[in-house]
Each structure stands twice: as C-alpha cells, then as structure tokens.
C-alpha cells in the first residue's frame, strides 16, 4: 500500500520529465528551422569532374608498355616457329619488348630524352 503511493510519484515524475523533454525538443526544432530559413540556399556546387587529360595520359602510357611486350613476344614466337629454337627466341624478344615498352613509357612521360637525328 505504501509502495503504491511511491510508484505513483515515480510515474508522475516520469511524465513530467517526458513533457519537459518534448518541450525542449520542440523549441530546438523551431530554432533549427529559423536558422535554416535565414540562410540563403547554397547554389548547387558543381560535381568535381575527373581530369580526362590525366586519364588519357595514363591509358596511353599503359598501352605503350603492353604494346611493346606483345610485339616483342609475337616476334619471338614467330622466330621460334621459323628457326625452331623454341623457347629462346620468345624469351629474348619478350624481354626486349618489355625493355622497349618501358623506354617508350619513359619517353612519353618525359623522363627520358627523345633520340635526336644527326645534325646537318
């Protein structure tokens, strides 16, 4: 019986706390709405675009390397078939193609000097 009176006090206290919390949340919501309405809307910021020239350069450099390796391997394979020296022609020309591909990549990237013809 005495416990019932004590429970009613807790229940009433809880309702008062919830009402106070609800009122604070409403005031906070109104303040946020005022702040949002006072700021001018931001213009739609343009999305950052990928630098297409950098992408094109990357594709060119990777193509230079792959083409060198494929051409070298193809020449080596053909020499192996023609001369019957399998697999040595393939191995040697694969390595030469890789070297040529790296040299082409370095030239295209500007890290190595282009060969100049004889001056006249």
PDB file of N, CA and C in Angstrom:
ATOM      1  N   UNK A   1       0.799  -1.154   0.000  1.00  0.00           N
ATOM      2  CA  UNK A   1       0.000   0.000   0.000  1.00  0.00           C
ATOM      3  C   UNK A   1       0.866   1.251   0.000  1.00  0.00           C
ATOM      4  N   UNK A   2       1.867   1.248   0.861  1.00  0.00           N
ATOM      5  CA  UNK A   2       2.755   2.392   0.853  1.00  0.00           C
ATOM      6  C   UNK A   2       3.556   2.410  -0.431  1.00  0.00           C
ATOM      7  N   UNK A   3       3.799   1.209  -0.989  1.00  0.00           N
ATOM      8  CA  UNK A   3       4.548   1.104  -2.242  1.00  0.00           C
ATOM      9  C   UNK A   3       3.766   1.693  -3.399  1.00  0.00           C
ATOM     10  N   UNK A   4       2.416   1.601  -3.369  1.00  0.00           N
ATOM     11  CA  UNK A   4       1.601   2.153  -4.446  1.00  0.00           C
ATOM     12  C   UNK A   4       1.744   3.659  -4.516  1.00  0.00           C
ATOM     13  N   UNK A   5       1.803   4.314  -3.396  1.00  0.00           N
ATOM     14  CA  UNK A   5       1.947   5.766  -3.381  1.00  0.00           C
ATOM     15  C   UNK A   5       3.325   6.151  -3.907  1.00  0.00           C
ATOM     16  N   UNK A   6       4.314   5.338  -3.585  1.00  0.00           N
ATOM     17  CA  UNK A   6       5.663   5.620  -4.050  1.00  0.00           C
ATOM     18  C   UNK A   6       5.750   5.437  -5.569  1.00  0.00           C
ATOM     19  N   UNK A   7       5.070   4.421  -6.137  1.00  0.00           N
ATOM     20  CA  UNK A   7       5.068   4.189  -7.588  1.00  0.00           C
ATOM     21  C   UNK A   7       4.363   5.313  -8.323  1.00  0.00           C
ATOM     22  N   UNK A   8       3.296   5.845  -7.756  1.00  0.00           N
ATOM     23  CA  UNK A   8       2.587   6.953  -8.404  1.00  0.00           C
ATOM     24  C   UNK A   8       3.500   8.176  -8.495  1.00  0.00           C
ATOM     25  N   UNK A   9       4.329   8.395  -7.508  1.00  0.00           N
ATOM     26  CA  UNK A   9       5.245   9.528  -7.531  1.00  0.00           C
ATOM     27  C   UNK A   9       6.271   9.379  -8.640  1.00  0.00           C
ATOM     28  N   UNK A  10       6.772   8.157  -8.834  1.00  0.00           N
ATOM     29  CA  UNK A  10       7.729   7.914  -9.909  1.00  0.00           C
ATOM     30  C   UNK A  10       7.071   8.092 -11.264  1.00  0.00           C
ATOM     31  N   UNK A  11       5.865   7.588 -11.398  1.00  0.00           N
ATOM     32  CA  UNK A  11       5.145   7.678 -12.668  1.00  0.00           C
ATOM     33  C   UNK A  11       4.852   9.138 -13.019  1.00  0.00           C
ATOM     34  N   UNK A  12       4.445   9.902 -12.030  1.00  0.00           N
ATOM     35  CA  UNK A  12       4.174  11.320 -12.248  1.00  0.00           C
ATOM     36  C   UNK A  12       5.456  12.077 -12.580  1.00  0.00           C
ATOM     37  N   UNK A  13       6.537  11.711 -11.933  1.00  0.00           N
ATOM     38  CA  UNK A  13       7.837  12.324 -12.211  1.00  0.00           C
ATOM     39  C   UNK A  13       8.277  12.010 -13.643  1.00  0.00           C
ATOM     40  N   UNK A  14       8.066  10.773 -14.065  1.00  0.00           N
ATOM     41  CA  UNK A  14       8.457  10.367 -15.410  1.00  0.00           C
ATOM     42  C   UNK A  14       7.660  11.139 -16.458  1.00  0.00           C
ATOM     43  N   UNK A  15       6.362  11.326 -16.217  1.00  0.00           N
ATOM     44  CA  UNK A  15       5.536  12.083 -17.161  1.00  0.00           C
ATOM     45  C   UNK A  15       6.001  13.533 -17.249  1.00  0.00           C
ATOM     46  N   UNK A  16       6.379  14.101 -16.128  1.00  0.00           N
ATOM     47  CA  UNK A  16       6.847  15.491 -16.128  1.00  0.00           C
ATOM     48  C   UNK A  16       8.172  15.602 -16.888  1.00  0.00           C
ATOM     49  N   UNK A  17       9.053  14.617 -16.698  1.00  0.00           N
ATOM     50  CA  UNK A  17      10.337  14.634 -17.411  1.00  0.00           C
ATOM     51  C   UNK A  17      10.113  14.493 -18.919  1.00  0.00           C
ATOM     52  N   UNK A  18       9.211  13.612 -19.296  1.00  0.00           N
ATOM     53  CA  UNK A  18       8.928  13.421 -20.728  1.00  0.00           C
ATOM     54  C   UNK A  18       8.308  14.676 -21.331  1.00  0.00           C
ATOM     55  N   UNK A  19       7.446  15.344 -20.598  1.00  0.00           N
ATOM     56  CA  UNK A  19       6.828  16.570 -21.095  1.00  0.00           C
ATOM     57  C   UNK A  19       7.884  17.663 -21.256  1.00  0.00           C
ATOM     58  N   UNK A  20       8.798  17.762 -20.283  1.00  0.00           N
ATOM     59  CA  UNK A  20       9.856  18.767 -20.370  1.00  0.00           C
ATOM     60  C   UNK A  20      10.775  18.467 -21.551  1.00  0.00           C
ATOM     61  N   UNK A  21      11.104  17.180 -21.756  1.00  0.00           N
ATOM     62  CA  UNK A  21      11.947  16.796 -22.865  1.00  0.00           C
ATOM     63  C   UNK A  21      11.261  17.086 -24.198  1.00  0.00           C
ATOM     64  N   UNK A  22       9.983  16.790 -24.281  1.00  0.00           N
ATOM     65  CA  UNK A  22       9.227  17.061 -25.504  1.00  0.00           C
ATOM     66  C   UNK A  22       9.192  18.559 -25.810  1.00  0.00           C
ATOM     67  N   UNK A  23       9.027  19.381 -24.791  1.00  0.00           N
ATOM     68  CA  UNK A  23       9.006  20.833 -24.991  1.00  0.00           C
ATOM     69  C   UNK A  23      10.377  21.328 -25.450  1.00  0.00           C
ATOM     70  N   UNK A  24      11.452  20.801 -24.857  1.00  0.00           N
ATOM     71  CA  UNK A  24      12.801  21.198 -25.278  1.00  0.00           C
ATOM     72  C   UNK A  24      13.067  20.797 -26.721  1.00  0.00           C
ATOM     73  N   UNK A  25      12.638  19.599 -27.111  1.00  0.00           N
ATOM     74  CA  UNK A  25      12.829  19.137 -28.491  1.00  0.00           C
ATOM     75  C   UNK A  25      12.060  20.014 -29.476  1.00  0.00           C
ATOM     76  N   UNK A  26      10.858  20.434 -29.083  1.00  0.00           N
ATOM     77  CA  UNK A  26      10.070  21.322 -29.953  1.00  0.00           C
ATOM     78  C   UNK A  26      10.769  22.661 -30.127  1.00  0.00           C
ATOM     79  N   UNK A  27      11.276  23.228 -29.039  1.00  0.00           N
ATOM     80  CA  UNK A  27      11.995  24.506 -29.131  1.00  0.00           C
ATOM     81  C   UNK A  27      13.248  24.369 -29.996  1.00  0.00           C
ATOM     82  N   UNK A  28      13.956  23.276 -29.835  1.00  0.00           N
ATOM     83  CA  UNK A  28      15.153  23.041 -30.631  1.00  0.00           C
ATOM     84  C   UNK A  28      14.805  22.917 -32.109  1.00  0.00           C
ATOM     85  N   UNK A  29      13.728  22.206 -32.398  1.00  0.00           N
ATOM     86  CA  UNK A  29      13.281  22.072 -33.786  1.00  0.00           C
ATOM     87  C   UNK A  29      12.914  23.421 -34.389  1.00  0.00           C
ATOM     88  N   UNK A  30      12.244  24.277 -33.620  1.00  0.00           N
ATOM     89  CA  UNK A  30      11.881  25.607 -34.109  1.00  0.00           C
ATOM     90  C   UNK A  30      13.125  26.463 -34.345  1.00  0.00           C
ATOM     91  N   UNK A  31      14.095  26.369 -33.439  1.00  0.00           N
ATOM     92  CA  UNK A  31      15.330  27.138 -33.619  1.00  0.00           C
ATOM     93  C   UNK A  31      16.085  26.668 -34.864  1.00  0.00           C
ATOM     94  N   UNK A  32      16.123  25.375 -35.104  1.00  0.00           N
ATOM     95  CA  UNK A  32      16.790  24.854 -36.299  1.00  0.00           C
ATOM     96  C   UNK A  32      16.087  25.329 -37.570  1.00  0.00           C
ATOM     97  N   UNK A  33      14.758  25.331 -37.543  1.00  0.00           N
ATOM     98  CA  UNK A  33      14.006  25.817 -38.708  1.00  0.00           C
ATOM     99  C   UNK A  33      14.302  27.290 -38.979  1.00  0.00           C
ATOM    100  N   UNK A  34      14.419  28.095 -37.913  1.00  0.00           N
ATOM    101  CA  UNK A  34      14.734  29.514 -38.091  1.00  0.00           C
ATOM    102  C   UNK A  34      16.130  29.700 -38.688  1.00  0.00           C
ATOM    103  N   UNK A  35      17.080  28.925 -38.213  1.00  0.00           N
ATOM    104  CA  UNK A  35      18.450  29.044 -38.735  1.00  0.00           C
ATOM    105  C   UNK A  35      18.491  28.616 -40.201  1.00  0.00           C
ATOM    106  N   UNK A  36      17.805  27.533 -40.530  1.00  0.00           N
ATOM    107  CA  UNK A  36      17.797  27.050 -41.913  1.00  0.00           C
ATOM    108  C   UNK A  36      17.122  28.052 -42.843  1.00  0.00           C
ATOM    109  N   UNK A  37      16.037  28.683 -42.380  1.00  0.00           N
ATOM    110  CA  UNK A  37      15.320  29.621 -43.241  1.00  0.00           C
ATOM    111  C   UNK A  37      16.068  30.940 -43.382  1.00  0.00           C
ATOM    112  N   UNK A  38      16.912  31.298 -42.409  1.00  0.00           N
ATOM    113  CA  UNK A  38      17.634  32.563 -42.500  1.00  0.00           C
ATOM    114  C   UNK A  38      18.827  32.462 -43.457  1.00  0.00           C
ATOM    115  N   UNK A  39      19.365  31.277 -43.667  1.00  0.00           N
ATOM    116  CA  UNK A  39      20.489  31.105 -44.588  1.00  0.00           C
ATOM    117  C   UNK A  39      19.962  30.998 -46.015  1.00  0.00           C
ATOM    118  N   UNK A  40      20.622  31.692 -46.951  1.00  0.00           N
ATOM    119  CA  UNK A  40      20.211  31.513 -48.347  1.00  0.00           C
ATOM    120  C   UNK A  40      20.618  30.111 -48.808  1.00  0.00           C
ATOM    121  N   UNK A  41      19.835  29.528 -49.661  1.00  0.00           N
ATOM    122  CA  UNK A  41      20.179  28.176 -50.125  1.00  0.00           C
ATOM    123  C   UNK A  41      21.472  28.221 -50.943  1.00  0.00           C
ATOM    124  N   UNK A  42      22.340  27.270 -50.683  1.00  0.00           N
ATOM    125  CA  UNK A  42      23.606  27.197 -51.415  1.00  0.00           C
ATOM    126  C   UNK A  42      23.324  26.811 -52.865  1.00  0.00           C
ATOM    127  N   UNK A  43      23.972  27.496 -53.797  1.00  0.00           N
ATOM    128  CA  UNK A  43      23.798  27.073 -55.185  1.00  0.00           C
ATOM    129  C   UNK A  43      24.378  25.677 -55.342  1.00  0.00           C
ATOM    130  N   UNK A  44      23.831  24.948 -56.235  1.00  0.00           N
ATOM    131  CA  UNK A  44      24.288  23.573 -56.439  1.00  0.00           C
ATOM    132  C   UNK A  44      25.754  23.602 -56.849  1.00  0.00           C
ATOM    133  N   UNK A  45      26.574  23.066 -55.992  1.00  0.00           N
ATOM    134  CA  UNK A  45      28.009  23.051 -56.270  1.00  0.00           C
ATOM    135  C   UNK A  45      28.273  22.071 -57.405  1.00  0.00           C
ATOM    136  N   UNK A  46      29.095  22.484 -58.365  1.00  0.00           N
ATOM    137  CA  UNK A  46      29.379  21.555 -59.453  1.00  0.00           C
ATOM    138  C   UNK A  46      30.158  20.357 -58.927  1.00  0.00           C
ATOM    139  N   UNK A  47      29.803  19.201 -59.441  1.00  0.00           N
ATOM    140  CA  UNK A  47      30.492  17.988 -59.023  1.00  0.00           C
ATOM    141  C   UNK A  47      31.897  17.991 -59.588  1.00  0.00           C
ATOM    142  N   UNK A  48      32.866  17.556 -58.820  1.00  0.00           N
ATOM    143  CA  UNK A  48      34.225  17.522 -59.357  1.00  0.00           C
ATOM    144  C   UNK A  48      34.309  16.530 -60.509  1.00  0.00           C
ATOM    145  N   UNK A  49      34.857  16.986 -61.595  1.00  0.00           N
ATOM    146  CA  UNK A  49      34.997  16.146 -62.779  1.00  0.00           C
ATOM    147  C   UNK A  49      36.381  15.517 -62.770  1.00  0.00           C
ATOM    148  N   UNK A  50      36.462  14.316 -63.278  1.00  0.00           N
ATOM    149  CA  UNK A  50      37.759  13.668 -63.402  1.00  0.00           C
ATOM    150  C   UNK A  50      38.553  14.379 -64.494  1.00  0.00           C
ATOM    151  N   UNK A  51      39.820  14.504 -64.279  1.00  0.00           N
ATOM    152  CA  UNK A  51      40.669  15.149 -65.264  1.00  0.00           C
ATOM    153  C   UNK A  51      40.866  14.171 -66.418  1.00  0.00           C
ATOM    154  N   UNK A  52      40.167  14.415 -67.513  1.00  0.00           N
ATOM    155  CA  UNK A  52      40.199  13.467 -68.628  1.00  0.00           C
ATOM    156  C   UNK A  52      41.562  13.431 -69.295  1.00  0.00           C
ATOM    157  N   UNK A  53      42.300  14.530 -69.245  1.00  0.00           N
ATOM    158  CA  UNK A  53      43.622  14.503 -69.859  1.00  0.00           C
ATOM    159  C   UNK A  53      44.562  13.588 -69.070  1.00  0.00           C
ATOM    160  N   UNK A  54      44.427  13.542 -67.770  1.00  0.00           N
ATOM    161  CA  UNK A  54      45.256  12.649 -66.961  1.00  0.00           C
ATOM    162  C   UNK A  54      44.881  11.197 -67.224  1.00  0.00           C
ATOM    163  N   UNK A  55      43.584  10.944 -67.387  1.00  0.00           N
ATOM    164  CA  UNK A  55      43.146   9.585 -67.677  1.00  0.00           C
ATOM    165  C   UNK A  55      43.648   9.142 -69.048  1.00  0.00           C
ATOM    166  N   UNK A  56      43.591  10.045 -70.011  1.00  0.00           N
ATOM    167  CA  UNK A  56      44.072   9.725 -71.353  1.00  0.00           C
ATOM    168  C   UNK A  56      45.568   9.457 -71.330  1.00  0.00           C
ATOM    169  N   UNK A  57      46.291  10.234 -70.563  1.00  0.00           N
ATOM    170  CA  UNK A  57      47.741  10.018 -70.467  1.00  0.00           C
ATOM    171  C   UNK A  57      48.055   8.671 -69.831  1.00  0.00           C
ATOM    172  N   UNK A  58      47.322   8.314 -68.795  1.00  0.00           N
ATOM    173  CA  UNK A  58      47.521   7.016 -68.148  1.00  0.00           C
ATOM    174  C   UNK A  58      47.233   5.865 -69.090  1.00  0.00           C
ATOM    175  N   UNK A  59      46.159   5.981 -69.860  1.00  0.00           N
ATOM    176  CA  UNK A  59      45.839   4.933 -70.833  1.00  0.00           C
ATOM    177  C   UNK A  59      46.911   4.841 -71.907  1.00  0.00           C
ATOM    178  N   UNK A  60      47.426   5.982 -72.337  1.00  0.00           N
ATOM    179  CA  UNK A  60      48.471   5.972 -73.358  1.00  0.00           C
ATOM    180  C   UNK A  60      49.728   5.297 -72.831  1.00  0.00           C
ATOM    181  N   UNK A  61      50.123   5.622 -71.603  1.00  0.00           N
ATOM    182  CA  UNK A  61      51.331   5.035 -71.036  1.00  0.00           C
ATOM    183  C   UNK A  61      51.184   3.530 -70.854  1.00  0.00           C
ATOM    184  N   UNK A  62      50.028   3.089 -70.385  1.00  0.00           N
ATOM    185  CA  UNK A  62      49.834   1.650 -70.208  1.00  0.00           C
ATOM    186  C   UNK A  62      49.785   0.934 -71.551  1.00  0.00           C
ATOM    187  N   UNK A  63      49.213   1.563 -72.556  1.00  0.00           N
ATOM    188  CA  UNK A  63      49.167   0.968 -73.886  1.00  0.00           C
ATOM    189  C   UNK A  63      50.568   0.857 -74.477  1.00  0.00           C
ATOM    190  N   UNK A  64      51.409   1.859 -74.250  1.00  0.00           N
ATOM    191  CA  UNK A  64      52.796   1.805 -74.747  1.00  0.00           C
ATOM    192  C   UNK A  64      53.512   0.588 -74.176  1.00  0.00           C
ATOM    193  N   UNK A  65      53.346   0.337 -72.892  1.00  0.00           N
ATOM    194  CA  UNK A  65      54.027  -0.787 -72.257  1.00  0.00           C
ATOM    195  C   UNK A  65      53.488  -2.124 -72.765  1.00  0.00           C
ATOM    196  N   UNK A  66      52.171  -2.257 -72.787  1.00  0.00           N
ATOM    197  CA  UNK A  66      51.560  -3.518 -73.208  1.00  0.00           C
ATOM    198  C   UNK A  66      51.879  -3.809 -74.675  1.00  0.00           C
ATOM    199  N   UNK A  67      51.841  -2.796 -75.511  1.00  0.00           N
ATOM    200  CA  UNK A  67      52.134  -2.997 -76.933  1.00  0.00           C
ATOM    201  C   UNK A  67      53.571  -3.461 -77.127  1.00  0.00           C
ATOM    202  N   UNK A  68      54.510  -2.892 -76.401  1.00  0.00           N
ATOM    203  CA  UNK A  68      55.898  -3.321 -76.513  1.00  0.00           C
ATOM    204  C   UNK A  68      56.080  -4.781 -76.144  1.00  0.00           C
ATOM    205  N   UNK A  69      55.443  -5.205 -75.068  1.00  0.00           N
ATOM    206  CA  UNK A  69      55.554  -6.602 -74.620  1.00  0.00           C
ATOM    207  C   UNK A  69      54.907  -7.533 -75.638  1.00  0.00           C
ATOM    208  N   UNK A  70      53.734  -7.170 -76.149  1.00  0.00           N
ATOM    209  CA  UNK A  70      53.032  -8.038 -77.107  1.00  0.00           C
ATOM    210  C   UNK A  70      53.802  -8.144 -78.418  1.00  0.00           C
ATOM    211  N   UNK A  71      54.304  -7.038 -78.921  1.00  0.00           N
ATOM    212  CA  UNK A  71      55.063  -7.072 -80.173  1.00  0.00           C
ATOM    213  C   UNK A  71      56.339  -7.899 -79.997  1.00  0.00           C
ATOM    214  N   UNK A  72      57.052  -7.699 -78.895  1.00  0.00           N
ATOM    215  CA  UNK A  72      58.259  -8.479 -78.641  1.00  0.00           C
ATOM    216  C   UNK A  72      57.962  -9.965 -78.535  1.00  0.00           C
ATOM    217  N   UNK A  73      56.902 -10.311 -77.817  1.00  0.00           N
ATOM    218  CA  UNK A  73      56.537 -11.723 -77.673  1.00  0.00           C
ATOM    219  C   UNK A  73      56.115 -12.311 -79.018  1.00  0.00           C
ATOM    220  N   UNK A  74      55.403 -11.532 -79.818  1.00  0.00           N
ATOM    221  CA  UNK A  74      54.984 -12.018 -81.135  1.00  0.00           C
ATOM    222  C   UNK A  74      56.168 -12.269 -82.053  1.00  0.00           C
ATOM    223  N   UNK A  75      57.113 -11.359 -82.087  1.00  0.00           N
ATOM    224  CA  UNK A  75      58.303 -11.548 -82.922  1.00  0.00           C
ATOM    225  C   UNK A  75      59.087 -12.770 -82.432  1.00  0.00           C
ATOM    226  N   UNK A  76      59.251 -12.910 -81.137  1.00  0.00           N
ATOM    227  CA  UNK A  76      59.965 -14.064 -80.587  1.00  0.00           C
ATOM    228  C   UNK A  76      59.280 -15.369 -80.909  1.00  0.00           C
ATOM    229  N   UNK A  77      57.969 -15.407 -80.798  1.00  0.00           N
ATOM    230  CA  UNK A  77      57.223 -16.622 -81.115  1.00  0.00           C
ATOM    231  C   UNK A  77      57.368 -16.984 -82.590  1.00  0.00           C
ATOM    232  N   UNK A  78      57.276 -15.972 -83.463  1.00  0.00           N
ATOM    233  CA  UNK A  78      57.437 -16.234 -84.895  1.00  0.00           C
ATOM    234  C   UNK A  78      58.848 -16.742 -85.207  1.00  0.00           C
ATOM    235  N   UNK A  79      59.859 -16.152 -84.592  1.00  0.00           N
ATOM    236  CA  UNK A  79      61.229 -16.635 -84.803  1.00  0.00           C
ATOM    237  C   UNK A  79      61.408 -18.063 -84.295  1.00  0.00           C
ATOM    238  N   UNK A  80      60.779 -18.382 -83.174  1.00  0.00           N
ATOM    239  CA  UNK A  80      60.843 -19.758 -82.659  1.00  0.00           C
ATOM    240  C   UNK A  80      60.242 -20.738 -83.650  1.00  0.00           C
ATOM    241  N   UNK A  81      59.109 -20.385 -84.229  1.00  0.00           N
ATOM    242  CA  UNK A  81      58.451 -21.254 -85.218  1.00  0.00           C
ATOM    243  C   UNK A  81      59.301 -21.397 -86.475  1.00  0.00           C
ATOM    244  N   UNK A  82      59.856 -20.310 -86.911  1.00  0.00           N
ATOM    245  CA  UNK A  82      60.591 -20.285 -88.179  1.00  0.00           C
ATOM    246  C   UNK A  82      61.953 -20.969 -88.052  1.00  0.00           C
ATOM    247  N   UNK A  83      62.686 -20.659 -86.957  1.00  0.00           N
ATOM    248  CA  UNK A  83      64.033 -21.188 -86.806  1.00  0.00           C
ATOM    249  C   UNK A  83      64.097 -22.454 -85.952  1.00  0.00           C
ATOM    250  N   UNK A  84      63.017 -22.781 -85.254  1.00  0.00           N
ATOM    251  CA  UNK A  84      62.987 -23.979 -84.415  1.00  0.00           C
ATOM    252  C   UNK A  84      63.875 -23.868 -83.190  1.00  0.00           C
ATOM    253  N   UNK A  85      63.968 -22.705 -82.607  1.00  0.00           N
ATOM    254  CA  UNK A  85      64.832 -22.504 -81.438  1.00  0.00           C
ATOM    255  C   UNK A  85      64.015 -22.295 -80.160  1.00  0.00           C
ATOM    256  N   UNK A  86      62.848 -22.876 -80.119  1.00  0.00           N
ATOM    257  CA  UNK A  86      61.919 -22.674 -79.013  1.00  0.00           C
ATOM    258  C   UNK A  86      62.577 -23.014 -77.688  1.00  0.00           C
ATOM    259  N   UNK A  87      62.417 -22.316 -76.658  1.00  0.00           N
ATOM    260  CA  UNK A  87      61.693 -21.096 -76.356  1.00  0.00           C
ATOM    261  C   UNK A  87      62.590 -19.878 -76.329  1.00  0.00           C
ATOM    262  N   UNK A  88      63.818 -19.978 -76.796  1.00  0.00           N
ATOM    263  CA  UNK A  88      64.791 -18.915 -76.617  1.00  0.00           C
ATOM    264  C   UNK A  88      64.435 -17.637 -77.358  1.00  0.00           C
ATOM    265  N   UNK A  89      63.938 -17.723 -78.550  1.00  0.00           N
ATOM    266  CA  UNK A  89      63.543 -16.512 -79.278  1.00  0.00           C
ATOM    267  C   UNK A  89      62.418 -15.780 -78.559  1.00  0.00           C
ATOM    268  N   UNK A  90      61.453 -16.568 -78.067  1.00  0.00           N
ATOM    269  CA  UNK A  90      60.326 -15.968 -77.340  1.00  0.00           C
ATOM    270  C   UNK A  90      60.813 -15.247 -76.088  1.00  0.00           C
ATOM    271  N   UNK A  91      61.689 -15.904 -75.328  1.00  0.00           N
ATOM    272  CA  UNK A  91      62.179 -15.314 -74.076  1.00  0.00           C
ATOM    273  C   UNK A  91      62.973 -14.044 -74.355  1.00  0.00           C
ATOM    274  N   UNK A  92      63.892 -14.119 -75.320  1.00  0.00           N
ATOM    275  CA  UNK A  92      64.741 -12.963 -75.606  1.00  0.00           C
ATOM    276  C   UNK A  92      63.914 -11.791 -76.112  1.00  0.00           C
ATOM    277  N   UNK A  93      63.019 -12.041 -77.057  1.00  0.00           N
ATOM    278  CA  UNK A  93      62.249 -10.932 -77.618  1.00  0.00           C
ATOM    279  C   UNK A  93      61.156 -10.447 -76.668  1.00  0.00           C
ATOM    280  N   UNK A  94      60.686 -11.301 -75.773  1.00  0.00           N
ATOM    281  CA  UNK A  94      59.758 -10.838 -74.739  1.00  0.00           C
ATOM    282  C   UNK A  94      60.464  -9.826 -73.840  1.00  0.00           C
ATOM    283  N   UNK A  95      61.692 -10.137 -73.440  1.00  0.00           N
ATOM    284  CA  UNK A  95      62.456  -9.200 -72.607  1.00  0.00           C
ATOM    285  C   UNK A  95      62.797  -7.928 -73.384  1.00  0.00           C
ATOM    286  N   UNK A  96      63.150  -8.069 -74.678  1.00  0.00           N
ATOM    287  CA  UNK A  96      63.418  -6.881 -75.496  1.00  0.00           C
ATOM    288  C   UNK A  96      62.156  -6.027 -75.653  1.00  0.00           C
ATOM    289  N   UNK A  97      61.008  -6.669 -75.818  1.00  0.00           N
ATOM    290  CA  UNK A  97      59.739  -5.934 -75.928  1.00  0.00           C
ATOM    291  C   UNK A  97      59.404  -5.211 -74.640  1.00  0.00           C
ATOM    292  N   UNK A  98      59.675  -5.860 -73.512  1.00  0.00           N
ATOM    293  CA  UNK A  98      59.431  -5.216 -72.224  1.00  0.00           C
ATOM    294  C   UNK A  98      60.335  -3.999 -72.065  1.00  0.00           C
ATOM    295  N   UNK A  99      61.598  -4.152 -72.440  1.00  0.00           N
ATOM    296  CA  UNK A  99      62.542  -3.040 -72.348  1.00  0.00           C
ATOM    297  C   UNK A  99      62.121  -1.894 -73.270  1.00  0.00           C
ATOM    298  N   UNK A 100      61.733  -2.236 -74.493  1.00  0.00           N
ATOM    299  CA  UNK A 100      61.291  -1.207 -75.439  1.00  0.00           C
ATOM    300  C   UNK A 100      60.023  -0.516 -74.929  1.00  0.00           C
ATOM    301  N   UNK A 101      59.111  -1.285 -74.338  1.00  0.00           N
ATOM    302  CA  UNK A 101      57.895  -0.697 -73.779  1.00  0.00           C
ATOM    303  C   UNK A 101      58.193   0.262 -72.649  1.00  0.00           C
ATOM    304  N   UNK A 102      59.110  -0.121 -71.761  1.00  0.00           N
ATOM    305  CA  UNK A 102      59.492   0.779 -70.673  1.00  0.00           C
ATOM    306  C   UNK A 102      60.149   2.047 -71.203  1.00  0.00           C
ATOM    307  N   UNK A 103      61.000   1.894 -72.204  1.00  0.00           N
ATOM    308  CA  UNK A 103      61.648   3.064 -72.786  1.00  0.00           C
ATOM    309  C   UNK A 103      60.618   3.997 -73.421  1.00  0.00           C
ATOM    310  N   UNK A 104      59.632   3.432 -74.105  1.00  0.00           N
ATOM    311  CA  UNK A 104      58.565   4.242 -74.704  1.00  0.00           C
ATOM    312  C   UNK A 104      57.744   4.960 -73.626  1.00  0.00           C
ATOM    313  N   UNK A 105      57.471   4.275 -72.532  1.00  0.00           N
ATOM    314  CA  UNK A 105      56.724   4.895 -71.436  1.00  0.00           C
ATOM    315  C   UNK A 105      57.526   6.053 -70.846  1.00  0.00           C
ATOM    316  N   UNK A 106      58.814   5.839 -70.660  1.00  0.00           N
ATOM    317  CA  UNK A 106      59.651   6.907 -70.099  1.00  0.00           C
ATOM    318  C   UNK A 106      59.734   8.091 -71.049  1.00  0.00           C
ATOM    319  N   UNK A 107      59.813   7.836 -72.347  1.00  0.00           N
ATOM    320  CA  UNK A 107      59.847   8.937 -73.313  1.00  0.00           C
ATOM    321  C   UNK A 107      58.517   9.694 -73.322  1.00  0.00           C
ATOM    322  N   UNK A 108      57.423   8.942 -73.309  1.00  0.00           N
ATOM    323  CA  UNK A 108      56.103   9.585 -73.347  1.00  0.00           C
ATOM    324  C   UNK A 108      55.842  10.394 -72.075  1.00  0.00           C
ATOM    325  N   UNK A 109      56.383   9.926 -70.953  1.00  0.00           N
ATOM    326  CA  UNK A 109      56.194  10.633 -69.687  1.00  0.00           C
ATOM    327  C   UNK A 109      57.154  11.802 -69.529  1.00  0.00           C
ATOM    328  N   UNK A 110      58.130  11.892 -70.426  1.00  0.00           N
ATOM    329  CA  UNK A 110      59.077  12.995 -70.355  1.00  0.00           C
ATOM    330  C   UNK A 110      60.246  12.728 -69.427  1.00  0.00           C
ATOM    331  N   UNK A 111      60.450  11.477 -69.037  1.00  0.00           N
ATOM    332  CA  UNK A 111      61.553  11.138 -68.147  1.00  0.00           C
ATOM    333  C   UNK A 111      62.828  10.797 -68.903  1.00  0.00           C
ATOM    334  N   UNK A 112      62.719  10.470 -70.179  1.00  0.00           N
ATOM    335  CA  UNK A 112      63.893  10.144 -70.988  1.00  0.00           C
ATOM    336  C   UNK A 112      63.896  11.063 -72.206  1.00  0.00           C
ATOM    337  N   UNK A 113      65.073  11.382 -72.681  1.00  0.00           N
ATOM    338  CA  UNK A 113      65.198  12.265 -73.844  1.00  0.00           C
ATOM    339  C   UNK A 113      64.854  11.506 -75.118  1.00  0.00           C
ATOM    340  N   UNK A 114      64.199  12.193 -76.036  1.00  0.00           N
ATOM    341  CA  UNK A 114      63.940  11.621 -77.353  1.00  0.00           C
ATOM    342  C   UNK A 114      65.253  11.569 -78.107  1.00  0.00           C
ATOM    343  N   UNK A 115      65.423  10.536 -78.908  1.00  0.00           N
ATOM    344  CA  UNK A 115      66.643  10.451 -79.710  1.00  0.00           C
ATOM    345  C   UNK A 115      66.607  11.508 -80.797  1.00  0.00           C
ATOM    346  N   UNK A 116      67.697  12.200 -80.943  1.00  0.00           N
ATOM    347  CA  UNK A 116      67.812  13.219 -81.974  1.00  0.00           C
ATOM    348  C   UNK A 116      68.572  12.624 -83.155  1.00  0.00           C
ATOM    349  N   UNK A 117      68.154  12.972 -84.344  1.00  0.00           N
ATOM    350  CA  UNK A 117      68.876  12.525 -85.532  1.00  0.00           C
ATOM    351  C   UNK A 117      70.179  13.300 -85.655  1.00  0.00           C
ATOM    352  N   UNK A 118      71.060  12.873 -86.562  1.00  0.00           N
ATOM    353  CA  UNK A 118      72.328  13.596 -86.728  1.00  0.00           C
ATOM    354  C   UNK A 118      72.071  15.012 -87.218  1.00  0.00           C
ATOM    355  N   UNK A 119      72.825  15.942 -86.684  1.00  0.00           N
ATOM    356  CA  UNK A 119      72.676  17.349 -87.064  1.00  0.00           C
ATOM    357  C   UNK A 119      73.398  17.597 -88.378  1.00  0.00           C
ATOM    358  N   UNK A 120      72.796  18.363 -89.218  1.00  0.00           N
ATOM    359  CA  UNK A 120      73.392  18.647 -90.527  1.00  0.00           C
ATOM    360  C   UNK A 120      73.714  20.087 -90.666  1.00  0.00           C
TER     361      UNK A 120
END
